[in-house]
PDB file of N, CA and C in Angstrom:
ATOM      1  N   UNK A   1       0.837  -1.166  -0.001  1.00  0.00           N
ATOM      2  CA  UNK A   1       0.001  -0.010  -0.007  1.00  0.00           C
ATOM      3  C   UNK A   1       0.895   1.242   0.000  1.00  0.00           C
ATOM      4  N   UNK A   2       0.515   2.216  -0.796  1.00  0.00           N
ATOM      5  CA  UNK A   2       1.302   3.441  -0.900  1.00  0.00           C
ATOM      6  C   UNK A   2       0.938   4.410   0.203  1.00  0.00           C
ATOM      7  N   UNK A   3       1.950   5.067   0.703  1.00  0.00           N
ATOM      8  CA  UNK A   3       1.716   6.084   1.727  1.00  0.00           C
ATOM      9  C   UNK A   3       1.656   7.460   1.069  1.00  0.00           C
ATOM     10  N   UNK A   4       0.923   8.362   1.683  1.00  0.00           N
ATOM     11  CA  UNK A   4       0.829   9.727   1.176  1.00  0.00           C
ATOM     12  C   UNK A   4       2.000  10.511   1.759  1.00  0.00           C
ATOM     13  N   UNK A   5       2.728  11.209   0.892  1.00  0.00           N
ATOM     14  CA  UNK A   5       3.895  11.972   1.360  1.00  0.00           C
ATOM     15  C   UNK A   5       3.630  13.457   1.227  1.00  0.00           C
ATOM     16  N   UNK A   6       4.232  14.213   2.122  1.00  0.00           N
ATOM     17  CA  UNK A   6       4.167  15.675   2.105  1.00  0.00           C
ATOM     18  C   UNK A   6       5.386  16.198   1.370  1.00  0.00           C
ATOM     19  N   UNK A   7       5.185  16.737   0.174  1.00  0.00           N
ATOM     20  CA  UNK A   7       6.308  17.178  -0.648  1.00  0.00           C
ATOM     21  C   UNK A   7       7.029  18.380  -0.055  1.00  0.00           C
ATOM     22  N   UNK A   8       6.392  19.102   0.846  1.00  0.00           N
ATOM     23  CA  UNK A   8       7.069  20.215   1.513  1.00  0.00           C
ATOM     24  C   UNK A   8       8.108  19.712   2.504  1.00  0.00           C
ATOM     25  N   UNK A   9       7.972  18.480   2.940  1.00  0.00           N
ATOM     26  CA  UNK A   9       8.927  17.906   3.900  1.00  0.00           C
ATOM     27  C   UNK A   9       9.916  16.951   3.225  1.00  0.00           C
ATOM     28  N   UNK A  10       9.721  16.706   1.947  1.00  0.00           N
ATOM     29  CA  UNK A  10      10.568  15.765   1.213  1.00  0.00           C
ATOM     30  C   UNK A  10      11.762  16.528   0.616  1.00  0.00           C
ATOM     31  N   UNK A  11      12.957  15.977   0.737  1.00  0.00           N
ATOM     32  CA  UNK A  11      14.089  16.615   0.068  1.00  0.00           C
ATOM     33  C   UNK A  11      14.210  16.001  -1.320  1.00  0.00           C
ATOM     34  N   UNK A  12      14.075  16.840  -2.327  1.00  0.00           N
ATOM     35  CA  UNK A  12      14.067  16.394  -3.724  1.00  0.00           C
ATOM     36  C   UNK A  12      15.478  16.382  -4.301  1.00  0.00           C
ATOM     37  N   UNK A  13      15.747  15.394  -5.137  1.00  0.00           N
ATOM     38  CA  UNK A  13      17.039  15.306  -5.831  1.00  0.00           C
ATOM     39  C   UNK A  13      16.862  15.929  -7.218  1.00  0.00           C
ATOM     40  N   UNK A  14      17.212  17.198  -7.342  1.00  0.00           N
ATOM     41  CA  UNK A  14      16.960  17.905  -8.599  1.00  0.00           C
ATOM     42  C   UNK A  14      17.883  17.435  -9.733  1.00  0.00           C
ATOM     43  N   UNK A  15      18.930  16.682  -9.412  1.00  0.00           N
ATOM     44  CA  UNK A  15      19.734  16.080 -10.485  1.00  0.00           C
ATOM     45  C   UNK A  15      18.902  15.059 -11.246  1.00  0.00           C
ATOM     46  N   UNK A  16      17.973  14.402 -10.567  1.00  0.00           N
ATOM     47  CA  UNK A  16      17.097  13.450 -11.263  1.00  0.00           C
ATOM     48  C   UNK A  16      16.177  14.154 -12.250  1.00  0.00           C
ATOM     49  N   UNK A  17      15.824  15.391 -11.969  1.00  0.00           N
ATOM     50  CA  UNK A  17      14.954  16.139 -12.869  1.00  0.00           C
ATOM     51  C   UNK A  17      15.661  16.333 -14.230  1.00  0.00           C
ATOM     52  N   UNK A  18      16.984  16.451 -14.172  1.00  0.00           N
ATOM     53  CA  UNK A  18      17.774  16.640 -15.420  1.00  0.00           C
ATOM     54  C   UNK A  18      17.888  15.330 -16.199  1.00  0.00           C
ATOM     55  N   UNK A  19      17.797  14.207 -15.489  1.00  0.00           N
ATOM     56  CA  UNK A  19      18.019  12.897 -16.109  1.00  0.00           C
ATOM     57  C   UNK A  19      16.748  12.308 -16.715  1.00  0.00           C
ATOM     58  N   UNK A  20      15.612  12.902 -16.429  1.00  0.00           N
ATOM     59  CA  UNK A  20      14.322  12.376 -16.932  1.00  0.00           C
ATOM     60  C   UNK A  20      13.673  13.443 -17.813  1.00  0.00           C
ATOM     61  N   UNK A  21      13.225  13.055 -19.007  1.00  0.00           N
ATOM     62  CA  UNK A  21      12.589  14.047 -19.879  1.00  0.00           C
ATOM     63  C   UNK A  21      11.393  14.711 -19.199  1.00  0.00           C
ATOM     64  N   UNK A  22      11.405  16.040 -19.204  1.00  0.00           N
ATOM     65  CA  UNK A  22      10.361  16.802 -18.536  1.00  0.00           C
ATOM     66  C   UNK A  22       8.983  16.537 -19.134  1.00  0.00           C
ATOM     67  N   UNK A  23       8.945  16.260 -20.442  1.00  0.00           N
ATOM     68  CA  UNK A  23       7.634  15.972 -21.052  1.00  0.00           C
ATOM     69  C   UNK A  23       7.002  14.718 -20.473  1.00  0.00           C
ATOM     70  N   UNK A  24       7.839  13.717 -20.100  1.00  0.00           N
ATOM     71  CA  UNK A  24       7.297  12.518 -19.450  1.00  0.00           C
ATOM     72  C   UNK A  24       6.759  12.842 -18.069  1.00  0.00           C
ATOM     73  N   UNK A  25       7.456  13.695 -17.337  1.00  0.00           N
ATOM     74  CA  UNK A  25       7.003  14.064 -15.995  1.00  0.00           C
ATOM     75  C   UNK A  25       5.648  14.768 -16.076  1.00  0.00           C
ATOM     76  N   UNK A  26       5.490  15.671 -17.058  1.00  0.00           N
ATOM     77  CA  UNK A  26       4.202  16.348 -17.217  1.00  0.00           C
ATOM     78  C   UNK A  26       3.122  15.379 -17.707  1.00  0.00           C
ATOM     79  N   UNK A  27       3.481  14.557 -18.679  1.00  0.00           N
ATOM     80  CA  UNK A  27       2.476  13.627 -19.260  1.00  0.00           C
ATOM     81  C   UNK A  27       1.916  12.668 -18.224  1.00  0.00           C
ATOM     82  N   UNK A  28       2.811  12.115 -17.409  1.00  0.00           N
ATOM     83  CA  UNK A  28       2.375  11.136 -16.411  1.00  0.00           C
ATOM     84  C   UNK A  28       2.096  11.765 -15.048  1.00  0.00           C
ATOM     85  N   UNK A  29       2.393  13.029 -14.891  1.00  0.00           N
ATOM     86  CA  UNK A  29       2.103  13.726 -13.631  1.00  0.00           C
ATOM     87  C   UNK A  29       2.873  13.210 -12.431  1.00  0.00           C
ATOM     88  N   UNK A  30       4.191  13.125 -12.596  1.00  0.00           N
ATOM     89  CA  UNK A  30       5.012  12.643 -11.481  1.00  0.00           C
ATOM     90  C   UNK A  30       6.251  13.519 -11.348  1.00  0.00           C
ATOM     91  N   UNK A  31       6.883  13.411 -10.184  1.00  0.00           N
ATOM     92  CA  UNK A  31       8.194  13.980  -9.983  1.00  0.00           C
ATOM     93  C   UNK A  31       9.089  12.920  -9.369  1.00  0.00           C
ATOM     94  N   UNK A  32      10.361  12.915  -9.744  1.00  0.00           N
ATOM     95  CA  UNK A  32      11.307  11.973  -9.148  1.00  0.00           C
ATOM     96  C   UNK A  32      11.672  12.417  -7.752  1.00  0.00           C
ATOM     97  N   UNK A  33      11.805  11.457  -6.864  1.00  0.00           N
ATOM     98  CA  UNK A  33      12.191  11.765  -5.477  1.00  0.00           C
ATOM     99  C   UNK A  33      13.647  11.361  -5.229  1.00  0.00           C
ATOM    100  N   UNK A  34      13.971  10.128  -5.557  1.00  0.00           N
ATOM    101  CA  UNK A  34      15.333   9.627  -5.310  1.00  0.00           C
ATOM    102  C   UNK A  34      15.510   8.281  -6.021  1.00  0.00           C
ATOM    103  N   UNK A  35      16.743   7.840  -6.111  1.00  0.00           N
ATOM    104  CA  UNK A  35      17.050   6.503  -6.599  1.00  0.00           C
ATOM    105  C   UNK A  35      17.717   5.762  -5.450  1.00  0.00           C
ATOM    106  N   UNK A  36      17.254   4.548  -5.201  1.00  0.00           N
ATOM    107  CA  UNK A  36      17.856   3.723  -4.141  1.00  0.00           C
ATOM    108  C   UNK A  36      17.578   2.251  -4.435  1.00  0.00           C
ATOM    109  N   UNK A  37      18.573   1.434  -4.242  1.00  0.00           N
ATOM    110  CA  UNK A  37      18.421  -0.033  -4.420  1.00  0.00           C
ATOM    111  C   UNK A  37      17.828  -0.367  -5.796  1.00  0.00           C
ATOM    112  N   UNK A  38      18.358   0.271  -6.844  1.00  0.00           N
ATOM    113  CA  UNK A  38      17.887   0.019  -8.217  1.00  0.00           C
ATOM    114  C   UNK A  38      16.428   0.363  -8.451  1.00  0.00           C
ATOM    115  N   UNK A  39      15.873   1.195  -7.601  1.00  0.00           N
ATOM    116  CA  UNK A  39      14.500   1.657  -7.769  1.00  0.00           C
ATOM    117  C   UNK A  39      14.482   3.170  -7.917  1.00  0.00           C
ATOM    118  N   UNK A  40      13.645   3.653  -8.811  1.00  0.00           N
ATOM    119  CA  UNK A  40      13.390   5.075  -8.923  1.00  0.00           C
ATOM    120  C   UNK A  40      12.125   5.348  -8.116  1.00  0.00           C
ATOM    121  N   UNK A  41      12.248   6.177  -7.088  1.00  0.00           N
ATOM    122  CA  UNK A  41      11.116   6.558  -6.253  1.00  0.00           C
ATOM    123  C   UNK A  41      10.498   7.830  -6.856  1.00  0.00           C
ATOM    124  N   UNK A  42       9.185   7.806  -7.094  1.00  0.00           N
ATOM    125  CA  UNK A  42       8.511   8.965  -7.667  1.00  0.00           C
ATOM    126  C   UNK A  42       7.280   9.323  -6.826  1.00  0.00           C
ATOM    127  N   UNK A  43       6.882  10.577  -6.935  1.00  0.00           N
ATOM    128  CA  UNK A  43       5.632  11.038  -6.308  1.00  0.00           C
ATOM    129  C   UNK A  43       4.601  11.195  -7.411  1.00  0.00           C
ATOM    130  N   UNK A  44       3.418  10.680  -7.192  1.00  0.00           N
ATOM    131  CA  UNK A  44       2.313  10.757  -8.174  1.00  0.00           C
ATOM    132  C   UNK A  44       1.043  11.211  -7.479  1.00  0.00           C
ATOM    133  N   UNK A  45       0.109  11.685  -8.268  1.00  0.00           N
ATOM    134  CA  UNK A  45      -1.197  12.059  -7.739  1.00  0.00           C
ATOM    135  C   UNK A  45      -2.126  10.854  -7.708  1.00  0.00           C
ATOM    136  N   UNK A  46      -3.303  11.055  -7.153  1.00  0.00           N
ATOM    137  CA  UNK A  46      -4.243   9.951  -6.971  1.00  0.00           C
ATOM    138  C   UNK A  46      -4.810   9.424  -8.286  1.00  0.00           C
ATOM    139  N   UNK A  47      -4.681  10.195  -9.363  1.00  0.00           N
ATOM    140  CA  UNK A  47      -5.230   9.742 -10.658  1.00  0.00           C
ATOM    141  C   UNK A  47      -4.244   8.837 -11.410  1.00  0.00           C
ATOM    142  N   UNK A  48      -3.043   8.666 -10.902  1.00  0.00           N
ATOM    143  CA  UNK A  48      -2.034   7.813 -11.544  1.00  0.00           C
ATOM    144  C   UNK A  48      -2.484   6.354 -11.508  1.00  0.00           C
ATOM    145  N   UNK A  49      -2.370   5.665 -12.642  1.00  0.00           N
ATOM    146  CA  UNK A  49      -2.860   4.291 -12.747  1.00  0.00           C
ATOM    147  C   UNK A  49      -1.715   3.281 -12.834  1.00  0.00           C
ATOM    148  N   UNK A  50      -2.032   2.026 -12.595  1.00  0.00           N
ATOM    149  CA  UNK A  50      -1.043   0.960 -12.727  1.00  0.00           C
ATOM    150  C   UNK A  50      -0.595   0.814 -14.182  1.00  0.00           C
ATOM    151  N   UNK A  51      -1.497   1.073 -15.111  1.00  0.00           N
ATOM    152  CA  UNK A  51      -1.136   1.045 -16.529  1.00  0.00           C
ATOM    153  C   UNK A  51      -0.061   2.089 -16.812  1.00  0.00           C
ATOM    154  N   UNK A  52      -0.228   3.280 -16.253  1.00  0.00           N
ATOM    155  CA  UNK A  52       0.743   4.342 -16.442  1.00  0.00           C
ATOM    156  C   UNK A  52       2.081   3.948 -15.803  1.00  0.00           C
ATOM    157  N   UNK A  53       2.023   3.294 -14.656  1.00  0.00           N
ATOM    158  CA  UNK A  53       3.242   2.828 -14.014  1.00  0.00           C
ATOM    159  C   UNK A  53       3.993   1.853 -14.905  1.00  0.00           C
ATOM    160  N   UNK A  54       3.286   0.904 -15.496  1.00  0.00           N
ATOM    161  CA  UNK A  54       3.907  -0.062 -16.418  1.00  0.00           C
ATOM    162  C   UNK A  54       4.542   0.648 -17.612  1.00  0.00           C
ATOM    163  N   UNK A  55       3.803   1.598 -18.197  1.00  0.00           N
ATOM    164  CA  UNK A  55       4.313   2.346 -19.339  1.00  0.00           C
ATOM    165  C   UNK A  55       5.571   3.119 -18.978  1.00  0.00           C
ATOM    166  N   UNK A  56       5.532   3.760 -17.832  1.00  0.00           N
ATOM    167  CA  UNK A  56       6.663   4.578 -17.380  1.00  0.00           C
ATOM    168  C   UNK A  56       7.901   3.715 -17.116  1.00  0.00           C
ATOM    169  N   UNK A  57       7.697   2.544 -16.529  1.00  0.00           N
ATOM    170  CA  UNK A  57       8.827   1.656 -16.298  1.00  0.00           C
ATOM    171  C   UNK A  57       9.460   1.236 -17.628  1.00  0.00           C
ATOM    172  N   UNK A  58       8.622   0.981 -18.628  1.00  0.00           N
ATOM    173  CA  UNK A  58       9.140   0.626 -19.954  1.00  0.00           C
ATOM    174  C   UNK A  58       9.895   1.790 -20.585  1.00  0.00           C
ATOM    175  N   UNK A  59       9.301   2.980 -20.533  1.00  0.00           N
ATOM    176  CA  UNK A  59       9.924   4.166 -21.154  1.00  0.00           C
ATOM    177  C   UNK A  59      11.253   4.529 -20.505  1.00  0.00           C
ATOM    178  N   UNK A  60      11.326   4.405 -19.196  1.00  0.00           N
ATOM    179  CA  UNK A  60      12.518   4.795 -18.470  1.00  0.00           C
ATOM    180  C   UNK A  60      13.497   3.629 -18.251  1.00  0.00           C
ATOM    181  N   UNK A  61      13.040   2.436 -18.568  1.00  0.00           N
ATOM    182  CA  UNK A  61      13.829   1.220 -18.398  1.00  0.00           C
ATOM    183  C   UNK A  61      14.338   1.106 -16.942  1.00  0.00           C
ATOM    184  N   UNK A  62      13.418   1.343 -16.023  1.00  0.00           N
ATOM    185  CA  UNK A  62      13.736   1.298 -14.578  1.00  0.00           C
ATOM    186  C   UNK A  62      12.539   0.726 -13.806  1.00  0.00           C
ATOM    187  N   UNK A  63      12.869   0.086 -12.702  1.00  0.00           N
ATOM    188  CA  UNK A  63      11.810  -0.290 -11.768  1.00  0.00           C
ATOM    189  C   UNK A  63      11.440   0.934 -10.953  1.00  0.00           C
ATOM    190  N   UNK A  64      10.144   1.102 -10.704  1.00  0.00           N
ATOM    191  CA  UNK A  64       9.666   2.330 -10.069  1.00  0.00           C
ATOM    192  C   UNK A  64       8.834   1.986  -8.828  1.00  0.00           C
ATOM    193  N   UNK A  65       9.069   2.764  -7.780  1.00  0.00           N
ATOM    194  CA  UNK A  65       8.236   2.715  -6.584  1.00  0.00           C
ATOM    195  C   UNK A  65       7.519   4.061  -6.527  1.00  0.00           C
ATOM    196  N   UNK A  66       6.189   4.035  -6.555  1.00  0.00           N
ATOM    197  CA  UNK A  66       5.457   5.301  -6.528  1.00  0.00           C
ATOM    198  C   UNK A  66       4.804   5.533  -5.177  1.00  0.00           C
ATOM    199  N   UNK A  67       4.773   6.821  -4.815  1.00  0.00           N
ATOM    200  CA  UNK A  67       4.142   7.242  -3.563  1.00  0.00           C
ATOM    201  C   UNK A  67       3.160   8.359  -3.894  1.00  0.00           C
ATOM    202  N   UNK A  68       2.037   8.357  -3.183  1.00  0.00           N
ATOM    203  CA  UNK A  68       1.023   9.375  -3.437  1.00  0.00           C
ATOM    204  C   UNK A  68       1.385  10.698  -2.798  1.00  0.00           C
ATOM    205  N   UNK A  69       1.066  11.772  -3.561  1.00  0.00           N
ATOM    206  CA  UNK A  69       1.305  13.117  -3.066  1.00  0.00           C
ATOM    207  C   UNK A  69       0.220  14.018  -3.662  1.00  0.00           C
ATOM    208  N   UNK A  70       0.165  15.245  -3.178  1.00  0.00           N
ATOM    209  CA  UNK A  70      -0.822  16.213  -3.653  1.00  0.00           C
ATOM    210  C   UNK A  70      -0.536  16.573  -5.110  1.00  0.00           C
ATOM    211  N   UNK A  71      -1.541  16.375  -5.993  1.00  0.00           N
ATOM    212  CA  UNK A  71      -1.351  16.630  -7.429  1.00  0.00           C
ATOM    213  C   UNK A  71      -1.040  18.084  -7.716  1.00  0.00           C
ATOM    214  N   UNK A  72      -1.675  19.001  -6.997  1.00  0.00           N
ATOM    215  CA  UNK A  72      -1.381  20.430  -7.223  1.00  0.00           C
ATOM    216  C   UNK A  72       0.064  20.754  -6.882  1.00  0.00           C
ATOM    217  N   UNK A  73       0.572  20.164  -5.827  1.00  0.00           N
ATOM    218  CA  UNK A  73       1.963  20.397  -5.428  1.00  0.00           C
ATOM    219  C   UNK A  73       2.914  19.806  -6.449  1.00  0.00           C
ATOM    220  N   UNK A  74       2.581  18.636  -7.002  1.00  0.00           N
ATOM    221  CA  UNK A  74       3.396  18.033  -8.041  1.00  0.00           C
ATOM    222  C   UNK A  74       3.478  18.965  -9.258  1.00  0.00           C
ATOM    223  N   UNK A  75       2.342  19.483  -9.692  1.00  0.00           N
ATOM    224  CA  UNK A  75       2.308  20.407 -10.833  1.00  0.00           C
ATOM    225  C   UNK A  75       3.127  21.667 -10.550  1.00  0.00           C
ATOM    226  N   UNK A  76       2.999  22.185  -9.335  1.00  0.00           N
ATOM    227  CA  UNK A  76       3.755  23.380  -8.930  1.00  0.00           C
ATOM    228  C   UNK A  76       5.265  23.131  -9.033  1.00  0.00           C
ATOM    229  N   UNK A  77       5.721  21.989  -8.515  1.00  0.00           N
ATOM    230  CA  UNK A  77       7.136  21.666  -8.568  1.00  0.00           C
ATOM    231  C   UNK A  77       7.593  21.458 -10.010  1.00  0.00           C
ATOM    232  N   UNK A  78       6.761  20.800 -10.822  1.00  0.00           N
ATOM    233  CA  UNK A  78       7.109  20.599 -12.218  1.00  0.00           C
ATOM    234  C   UNK A  78       7.267  21.927 -12.950  1.00  0.00           C
ATOM    235  N   UNK A  79       6.359  22.854 -12.721  1.00  0.00           N
ATOM    236  CA  UNK A  79       6.450  24.159 -13.379  1.00  0.00           C
ATOM    237  C   UNK A  79       7.696  24.912 -12.966  1.00  0.00           C
ATOM    238  N   UNK A  80       8.039  24.862 -11.667  1.00  0.00           N
ATOM    239  CA  UNK A  80       9.268  25.519 -11.190  1.00  0.00           C
ATOM    240  C   UNK A  80      10.499  24.867 -11.800  1.00  0.00           C
ATOM    241  N   UNK A  81      10.478  23.552 -11.877  1.00  0.00           N
ATOM    242  CA  UNK A  81      11.611  22.828 -12.420  1.00  0.00           C
ATOM    243  C   UNK A  81      11.777  23.148 -13.904  1.00  0.00           C
ATOM    244  N   UNK A  82      10.671  23.188 -14.628  1.00  0.00           N
ATOM    245  CA  UNK A  82      10.742  23.494 -16.055  1.00  0.00           C
ATOM    246  C   UNK A  82      11.284  24.913 -16.273  1.00  0.00           C
ATOM    247  N   UNK A  83      10.860  25.865 -15.475  1.00  0.00           N
ATOM    248  CA  UNK A  83      11.359  27.242 -15.567  1.00  0.00           C
ATOM    249  C   UNK A  83      12.845  27.297 -15.286  1.00  0.00           C
ATOM    250  N   UNK A  84      13.295  26.552 -14.290  1.00  0.00           N
ATOM    251  CA  UNK A  84      14.720  26.539 -13.944  1.00  0.00           C
ATOM    252  C   UNK A  84      15.557  25.944 -15.065  1.00  0.00           C
ATOM    253  N   UNK A  85      15.079  24.878 -15.684  1.00  0.00           N
ATOM    254  CA  UNK A  85      15.808  24.244 -16.764  1.00  0.00           C
ATOM    255  C   UNK A  85      15.892  25.160 -17.983  1.00  0.00           C
ATOM    256  N   UNK A  86      14.844  25.910 -18.256  1.00  0.00           N
ATOM    257  CA  UNK A  86      14.876  26.859 -19.364  1.00  0.00           C
ATOM    258  C   UNK A  86      15.877  27.968 -19.118  1.00  0.00           C
ATOM    259  N   UNK A  87      16.013  28.394 -17.864  1.00  0.00           N
ATOM    260  CA  UNK A  87      16.927  29.473 -17.525  1.00  0.00           C
ATOM    261  C   UNK A  87      18.378  29.043 -17.701  1.00  0.00           C
ATOM    262  N   UNK A  88      18.627  27.757 -17.563  1.00  0.00           N
ATOM    263  CA  UNK A  88      19.997  27.243 -17.758  1.00  0.00           C
ATOM    264  C   UNK A  88      20.260  27.151 -19.215  1.00  0.00           C
TER     265      UNK A  88
END
């Protein structure tokens, strides 16, 4: 069972944001949290489906552990991340 995480208390690895295509993060509505034990940990909203999880694992060629988070907060972080990447 997935636990709900508070993204304001989570320390994000912004290097992972550079390693994953931003269009995939927007399309699937997720943000990367960390990599550990050959797993990519991501935060997703409640509308994220198991089918999307399977597709994402295939596209990224990684095993993924997903955790639920506030969808609005995910979008907010994605927008900030996208703006930062454009500035670079």
